[in-house]
N, C-alpha and C. Protein backbone atom coordinates (compact mmCIF):
# COMPACT_ATOMS: atom_id res chain seq x y z
N MET A 1 9.41 -17.91 3.90
CA MET A 1 9.11 -17.40 2.57
C MET A 1 10.10 -16.28 2.23
N LYS A 2 10.32 -16.10 0.94
CA LYS A 2 11.26 -15.09 0.48
C LYS A 2 10.48 -13.94 -0.17
N ILE A 3 10.82 -12.73 0.25
CA ILE A 3 10.15 -11.53 -0.25
C ILE A 3 11.18 -10.63 -0.92
N GLY A 4 10.88 -10.20 -2.14
CA GLY A 4 11.71 -9.25 -2.85
C GLY A 4 11.20 -7.84 -2.60
N LEU A 5 12.10 -6.94 -2.24
CA LEU A 5 11.74 -5.56 -1.92
C LEU A 5 12.50 -4.62 -2.83
N VAL A 6 11.77 -3.76 -3.54
CA VAL A 6 12.38 -2.75 -4.40
C VAL A 6 12.07 -1.40 -3.78
N GLU A 7 13.06 -0.85 -3.06
CA GLU A 7 12.86 0.38 -2.31
C GLU A 7 14.15 1.19 -2.30
N PRO A 8 14.15 2.37 -2.95
CA PRO A 8 15.37 3.18 -2.99
C PRO A 8 15.66 3.91 -1.67
N ASP A 9 14.67 4.15 -0.85
CA ASP A 9 14.87 4.83 0.43
C ASP A 9 15.45 3.82 1.43
N GLU A 10 16.72 4.01 1.80
CA GLU A 10 17.40 3.03 2.65
C GLU A 10 16.72 2.86 4.01
N LEU A 11 16.26 3.94 4.59
CA LEU A 11 15.60 3.85 5.90
C LEU A 11 14.32 3.02 5.79
N LEU A 12 13.50 3.30 4.80
CA LEU A 12 12.26 2.55 4.62
C LEU A 12 12.57 1.08 4.28
N ALA A 13 13.57 0.86 3.44
CA ALA A 13 13.96 -0.52 3.10
C ALA A 13 14.40 -1.27 4.36
N ASP A 14 15.17 -0.61 5.21
CA ASP A 14 15.62 -1.24 6.46
C ASP A 14 14.44 -1.54 7.38
N LEU A 15 13.50 -0.60 7.48
CA LEU A 15 12.33 -0.81 8.35
C LEU A 15 11.46 -1.96 7.86
N VAL A 16 11.19 -1.99 6.57
CA VAL A 16 10.36 -3.05 5.99
C VAL A 16 11.07 -4.40 6.13
N SER A 17 12.35 -4.42 5.79
CA SER A 17 13.12 -5.67 5.89
C SER A 17 13.15 -6.18 7.32
N PHE A 18 13.41 -5.29 8.26
CA PHE A 18 13.48 -5.68 9.66
C PHE A 18 12.17 -6.28 10.13
N ARG A 19 11.07 -5.63 9.80
CA ARG A 19 9.76 -6.14 10.20
C ARG A 19 9.49 -7.52 9.60
N LEU A 20 9.77 -7.68 8.33
CA LEU A 20 9.51 -8.95 7.67
C LEU A 20 10.44 -10.05 8.17
N GLU A 21 11.68 -9.70 8.45
CA GLU A 21 12.62 -10.68 8.99
C GLU A 21 12.22 -11.12 10.39
N LEU A 22 11.68 -10.19 11.18
CA LEU A 22 11.16 -10.56 12.50
C LEU A 22 10.04 -11.60 12.39
N LEU A 23 9.32 -11.54 11.30
CA LEU A 23 8.22 -12.49 11.07
C LEU A 23 8.72 -13.80 10.47
N GLY A 24 10.02 -13.90 10.26
CA GLY A 24 10.60 -15.15 9.77
C GLY A 24 10.82 -15.23 8.28
N HIS A 25 10.64 -14.12 7.58
CA HIS A 25 10.82 -14.11 6.13
C HIS A 25 12.26 -13.74 5.78
N GLN A 26 12.69 -14.24 4.64
CA GLN A 26 13.97 -13.81 4.07
C GLN A 26 13.65 -12.67 3.11
N VAL A 27 14.42 -11.59 3.17
CA VAL A 27 14.15 -10.43 2.32
C VAL A 27 15.36 -10.16 1.42
N VAL A 28 15.08 -10.03 0.14
CA VAL A 28 16.09 -9.65 -0.84
C VAL A 28 15.76 -8.22 -1.25
N CYS A 29 16.73 -7.31 -1.14
CA CYS A 29 16.48 -5.89 -1.43
C CYS A 29 17.18 -5.44 -2.71
N TRP A 30 16.47 -4.63 -3.46
CA TRP A 30 17.02 -3.94 -4.62
C TRP A 30 16.65 -2.47 -4.49
N GLN A 31 17.53 -1.60 -5.00
CA GLN A 31 17.28 -0.17 -4.90
C GLN A 31 16.69 0.43 -6.17
N SER A 32 16.65 -0.34 -7.25
CA SER A 32 16.12 0.19 -8.50
C SER A 32 15.34 -0.89 -9.23
N GLY A 33 14.54 -0.43 -10.16
CA GLY A 33 13.76 -1.35 -10.97
C GLY A 33 14.64 -2.23 -11.84
N SER A 34 15.69 -1.66 -12.42
CA SER A 34 16.55 -2.47 -13.29
C SER A 34 17.30 -3.53 -12.49
N GLU A 35 17.73 -3.22 -11.26
CA GLU A 35 18.36 -4.23 -10.40
C GLU A 35 17.40 -5.39 -10.16
N MET A 36 16.17 -5.05 -9.84
CA MET A 36 15.16 -6.08 -9.58
C MET A 36 14.90 -6.90 -10.82
N LEU A 37 14.71 -6.26 -11.97
CA LEU A 37 14.39 -6.98 -13.20
C LEU A 37 15.51 -7.93 -13.61
N GLU A 38 16.76 -7.56 -13.33
CA GLU A 38 17.89 -8.42 -13.66
C GLU A 38 17.95 -9.65 -12.76
N ALA A 39 17.50 -9.53 -11.51
CA ALA A 39 17.73 -10.58 -10.53
C ALA A 39 16.48 -11.30 -10.04
N VAL A 40 15.31 -10.83 -10.38
CA VAL A 40 14.09 -11.38 -9.77
C VAL A 40 13.87 -12.85 -10.10
N ALA A 41 14.17 -13.26 -11.30
CA ALA A 41 13.94 -14.66 -11.66
C ALA A 41 14.82 -15.61 -10.85
N GLU A 42 16.07 -15.21 -10.63
CA GLU A 42 16.99 -16.04 -9.88
C GLU A 42 16.75 -15.95 -8.37
N ALA A 43 16.08 -14.92 -7.93
CA ALA A 43 15.84 -14.72 -6.49
C ALA A 43 14.81 -15.71 -5.94
N HIS A 44 13.93 -16.18 -6.82
CA HIS A 44 12.87 -17.11 -6.41
C HIS A 44 12.03 -16.56 -5.26
N ALA A 45 11.65 -15.30 -5.38
CA ALA A 45 10.83 -14.66 -4.35
C ALA A 45 9.41 -15.20 -4.41
N ASP A 46 8.77 -15.24 -3.25
CA ASP A 46 7.38 -15.67 -3.16
C ASP A 46 6.42 -14.50 -3.35
N CYS A 47 6.92 -13.28 -3.18
CA CYS A 47 6.14 -12.08 -3.50
C CYS A 47 7.12 -10.92 -3.62
N LEU A 48 6.63 -9.82 -4.20
CA LEU A 48 7.42 -8.61 -4.36
C LEU A 48 6.72 -7.44 -3.70
N ILE A 49 7.53 -6.53 -3.18
CA ILE A 49 7.04 -5.24 -2.69
C ILE A 49 7.80 -4.20 -3.49
N VAL A 50 7.07 -3.35 -4.21
CA VAL A 50 7.69 -2.40 -5.14
C VAL A 50 7.20 -0.99 -4.83
N ASP A 51 8.13 -0.07 -4.62
CA ASP A 51 7.80 1.34 -4.42
C ASP A 51 7.40 1.94 -5.76
N THR A 52 6.51 2.92 -5.74
CA THR A 52 6.09 3.55 -7.00
C THR A 52 7.16 4.47 -7.58
N TYR A 53 8.03 5.01 -6.72
CA TYR A 53 9.03 5.95 -7.20
C TYR A 53 10.42 5.34 -7.07
N LEU A 54 10.98 4.94 -8.21
CA LEU A 54 12.30 4.34 -8.26
C LEU A 54 13.23 5.28 -9.02
N PRO A 55 14.54 5.19 -8.79
CA PRO A 55 15.45 6.15 -9.42
C PRO A 55 15.59 6.00 -10.93
N ASP A 56 15.35 4.81 -11.46
CA ASP A 56 15.60 4.59 -12.88
C ASP A 56 14.35 4.39 -13.72
N MET A 57 13.21 4.13 -13.07
CA MET A 57 11.94 3.95 -13.77
C MET A 57 10.82 4.06 -12.75
N GLN A 58 9.61 4.22 -13.21
CA GLN A 58 8.49 4.21 -12.29
C GLN A 58 8.25 2.78 -11.81
N GLY A 59 7.86 2.64 -10.56
CA GLY A 59 7.58 1.34 -10.01
C GLY A 59 6.51 0.60 -10.79
N LEU A 60 5.54 1.35 -11.31
CA LEU A 60 4.47 0.70 -12.08
C LEU A 60 5.00 0.13 -13.38
N GLU A 61 6.01 0.77 -13.96
CA GLU A 61 6.65 0.23 -15.16
C GLU A 61 7.37 -1.07 -14.81
N ALA A 62 8.05 -1.10 -13.67
CA ALA A 62 8.75 -2.32 -13.23
C ALA A 62 7.74 -3.45 -12.99
N ILE A 63 6.61 -3.12 -12.38
CA ILE A 63 5.57 -4.13 -12.14
C ILE A 63 5.05 -4.66 -13.46
N SER A 64 4.77 -3.78 -14.39
CA SER A 64 4.27 -4.19 -15.70
C SER A 64 5.26 -5.12 -16.41
N LYS A 65 6.55 -4.82 -16.30
CA LYS A 65 7.57 -5.67 -16.93
C LYS A 65 7.63 -7.04 -16.26
N VAL A 66 7.47 -7.08 -14.95
CA VAL A 66 7.43 -8.37 -14.25
C VAL A 66 6.22 -9.16 -14.73
N ARG A 67 5.08 -8.51 -14.85
CA ARG A 67 3.86 -9.19 -15.29
C ARG A 67 3.96 -9.73 -16.71
N LYS A 68 4.74 -9.08 -17.55
CA LYS A 68 4.87 -9.53 -18.94
C LYS A 68 5.78 -10.75 -19.05
N SER A 69 6.52 -11.03 -18.00
CA SER A 69 7.36 -12.22 -17.98
C SER A 69 6.47 -13.42 -17.65
N PHE A 70 6.45 -14.42 -18.51
CA PHE A 70 5.56 -15.56 -18.32
C PHE A 70 5.75 -16.22 -16.97
N ALA A 71 6.99 -16.36 -16.51
CA ALA A 71 7.25 -17.03 -15.24
C ALA A 71 6.84 -16.19 -14.04
N MET A 72 6.61 -14.91 -14.25
CA MET A 72 6.32 -14.02 -13.13
C MET A 72 4.90 -13.49 -13.13
N ASN A 73 4.05 -13.96 -14.03
CA ASN A 73 2.73 -13.36 -14.14
C ASN A 73 1.82 -13.70 -12.96
N SER A 74 2.16 -14.70 -12.15
CA SER A 74 1.33 -15.01 -10.99
C SER A 74 1.99 -14.60 -9.67
N LEU A 75 3.14 -13.97 -9.72
CA LEU A 75 3.84 -13.54 -8.52
C LEU A 75 3.07 -12.42 -7.83
N PRO A 76 2.69 -12.58 -6.56
CA PRO A 76 1.97 -11.50 -5.88
C PRO A 76 2.86 -10.27 -5.70
N ILE A 77 2.27 -9.10 -5.95
CA ILE A 77 3.02 -7.85 -5.85
C ILE A 77 2.23 -6.85 -5.00
N LEU A 78 2.94 -6.24 -4.05
CA LEU A 78 2.40 -5.16 -3.22
C LEU A 78 3.10 -3.88 -3.63
N THR A 79 2.34 -2.84 -3.90
CA THR A 79 2.90 -1.54 -4.24
C THR A 79 2.93 -0.66 -3.01
N LEU A 80 4.09 -0.03 -2.75
CA LEU A 80 4.23 0.96 -1.68
C LEU A 80 4.25 2.34 -2.31
N SER A 81 3.56 3.30 -1.70
CA SER A 81 3.58 4.65 -2.26
C SER A 81 3.24 5.69 -1.21
N ILE A 82 3.84 6.85 -1.35
CA ILE A 82 3.45 7.99 -0.52
C ILE A 82 2.27 8.72 -1.15
N ASP A 83 1.95 8.35 -2.37
CA ASP A 83 0.91 9.03 -3.14
C ASP A 83 -0.46 8.40 -2.89
N THR A 84 -1.41 9.21 -2.48
CA THR A 84 -2.77 8.73 -2.20
C THR A 84 -3.73 9.01 -3.36
N ASP A 85 -3.22 9.53 -4.46
CA ASP A 85 -4.05 9.87 -5.61
C ASP A 85 -4.73 8.60 -6.16
N LEU A 86 -6.05 8.63 -6.22
CA LEU A 86 -6.82 7.48 -6.67
C LEU A 86 -6.44 7.04 -8.08
N SER A 87 -6.09 7.97 -8.94
CA SER A 87 -5.71 7.58 -10.31
C SER A 87 -4.41 6.76 -10.31
N LEU A 88 -3.48 7.07 -9.40
CA LEU A 88 -2.26 6.28 -9.31
C LEU A 88 -2.56 4.88 -8.77
N VAL A 89 -3.45 4.80 -7.82
CA VAL A 89 -3.86 3.49 -7.28
C VAL A 89 -4.46 2.65 -8.41
N GLU A 90 -5.33 3.25 -9.20
CA GLU A 90 -5.94 2.54 -10.33
C GLU A 90 -4.89 2.11 -11.35
N GLN A 91 -3.91 2.98 -11.62
CA GLN A 91 -2.83 2.63 -12.54
C GLN A 91 -2.01 1.46 -12.01
N ALA A 92 -1.80 1.43 -10.70
CA ALA A 92 -1.03 0.34 -10.09
C ALA A 92 -1.75 -0.99 -10.30
N TYR A 93 -3.06 -1.00 -10.10
CA TYR A 93 -3.81 -2.24 -10.32
C TYR A 93 -3.81 -2.64 -11.79
N ARG A 94 -3.90 -1.66 -12.68
CA ARG A 94 -3.84 -1.97 -14.12
C ARG A 94 -2.46 -2.50 -14.51
N ALA A 95 -1.40 -2.03 -13.83
CA ALA A 95 -0.05 -2.50 -14.13
C ALA A 95 0.17 -3.93 -13.63
N GLY A 96 -0.65 -4.36 -12.67
CA GLY A 96 -0.54 -5.73 -12.21
C GLY A 96 -0.30 -5.93 -10.74
N THR A 97 -0.40 -4.87 -9.95
CA THR A 97 -0.22 -5.05 -8.51
C THR A 97 -1.41 -5.80 -7.92
N ASN A 98 -1.17 -6.52 -6.86
CA ASN A 98 -2.24 -7.23 -6.16
C ASN A 98 -2.81 -6.41 -5.01
N ASP A 99 -1.99 -5.51 -4.47
CA ASP A 99 -2.43 -4.70 -3.34
C ASP A 99 -1.61 -3.43 -3.30
N TYR A 100 -2.07 -2.46 -2.53
CA TYR A 100 -1.48 -1.12 -2.49
C TYR A 100 -1.40 -0.69 -1.03
N LEU A 101 -0.25 -0.16 -0.63
CA LEU A 101 -0.06 0.28 0.75
C LEU A 101 0.55 1.67 0.74
N ILE A 102 -0.13 2.59 1.41
CA ILE A 102 0.34 3.97 1.47
C ILE A 102 1.29 4.13 2.66
N THR A 103 2.44 4.77 2.39
CA THR A 103 3.41 5.05 3.45
C THR A 103 3.20 6.47 3.95
N PRO A 104 3.39 6.70 5.24
CA PRO A 104 3.76 5.73 6.27
C PRO A 104 2.59 4.79 6.57
N PHE A 105 2.93 3.61 7.08
CA PHE A 105 1.93 2.59 7.32
C PHE A 105 2.14 1.95 8.69
N ASP A 106 1.10 1.33 9.16
CA ASP A 106 1.16 0.56 10.40
C ASP A 106 1.85 -0.76 10.07
N PRO A 107 2.88 -1.16 10.81
CA PRO A 107 3.56 -2.42 10.54
C PRO A 107 2.62 -3.64 10.54
N ALA A 108 1.57 -3.59 11.33
CA ALA A 108 0.60 -4.70 11.34
C ALA A 108 -0.13 -4.78 10.00
N THR A 109 -0.35 -3.65 9.36
CA THR A 109 -1.00 -3.65 8.04
C THR A 109 -0.06 -4.25 7.00
N LEU A 110 1.22 -3.89 7.06
CA LEU A 110 2.20 -4.50 6.16
C LEU A 110 2.20 -6.01 6.35
N GLN A 111 2.22 -6.44 7.59
CA GLN A 111 2.22 -7.87 7.89
C GLN A 111 0.97 -8.55 7.33
N ALA A 112 -0.19 -7.96 7.54
CA ALA A 112 -1.44 -8.56 7.07
C ALA A 112 -1.47 -8.66 5.55
N LYS A 113 -1.01 -7.62 4.86
CA LYS A 113 -1.02 -7.63 3.40
C LYS A 113 -0.02 -8.66 2.86
N CYS A 114 1.16 -8.75 3.46
CA CYS A 114 2.15 -9.75 3.04
C CYS A 114 1.65 -11.16 3.31
N ASP A 115 1.06 -11.36 4.49
CA ASP A 115 0.52 -12.68 4.81
C ASP A 115 -0.54 -13.11 3.80
N ALA A 116 -1.41 -12.17 3.42
CA ALA A 116 -2.47 -12.49 2.46
C ALA A 116 -1.87 -12.84 1.09
N MET A 117 -0.86 -12.10 0.67
CA MET A 117 -0.24 -12.38 -0.62
C MET A 117 0.50 -13.71 -0.60
N LEU A 118 1.19 -14.01 0.49
CA LEU A 118 1.92 -15.27 0.59
C LEU A 118 0.96 -16.45 0.64
N LEU A 119 -0.18 -16.27 1.30
CA LEU A 119 -1.19 -17.31 1.33
C LEU A 119 -1.74 -17.54 -0.08
N GLN A 120 -1.98 -16.46 -0.80
CA GLN A 120 -2.45 -16.55 -2.18
C GLN A 120 -1.42 -17.31 -3.02
N ARG A 121 -0.16 -17.02 -2.84
CA ARG A 121 0.91 -17.69 -3.59
C ARG A 121 0.95 -19.18 -3.26
N SER A 122 0.79 -19.49 -1.98
CA SER A 122 0.81 -20.88 -1.53
C SER A 122 -0.35 -21.67 -2.15
N HIS A 123 -1.53 -21.07 -2.17
CA HIS A 123 -2.70 -21.72 -2.77
C HIS A 123 -2.50 -21.92 -4.27
N ALA A 124 -1.91 -20.94 -4.94
CA ALA A 124 -1.68 -21.04 -6.38
C ALA A 124 -0.71 -22.17 -6.70
N ARG A 125 0.29 -22.38 -5.86
CA ARG A 125 1.27 -23.45 -6.09
C ARG A 125 0.67 -24.83 -5.89
N HIS A 126 -0.35 -24.93 -5.04
CA HIS A 126 -0.93 -26.23 -4.72
C HIS A 126 -2.10 -26.61 -5.63
N ARG A 127 -2.38 -25.79 -6.62
CA ARG A 127 -3.48 -26.09 -7.55
C ARG A 127 -3.03 -26.97 -8.67
């Protein structure tokens, strides 16, 4: 499966990519929301992981823009954030995220959340 990752922190992007690649996934990385929005349709990702804090826009704005795209409205999205504020978590769900993961995180939790989203995507394709 192919996973799109929008993460400006190179170390975190490398860690997430490495973990997901170990699990057999292909990872496409972008460092900004605008990079992702320009390339996401052609990337054919099975899910997205988007950080809340991007250099050019808020991650929730990027998620909302993906959701407004007809072809991307069913794409599973996981939000990464260092922020534990409940109001931000609620905003993420309103923007269209499917799940939320606070960093730092246990790699097994990342794996479980990605597996669940990819399973959801697989079921949606077979309907």
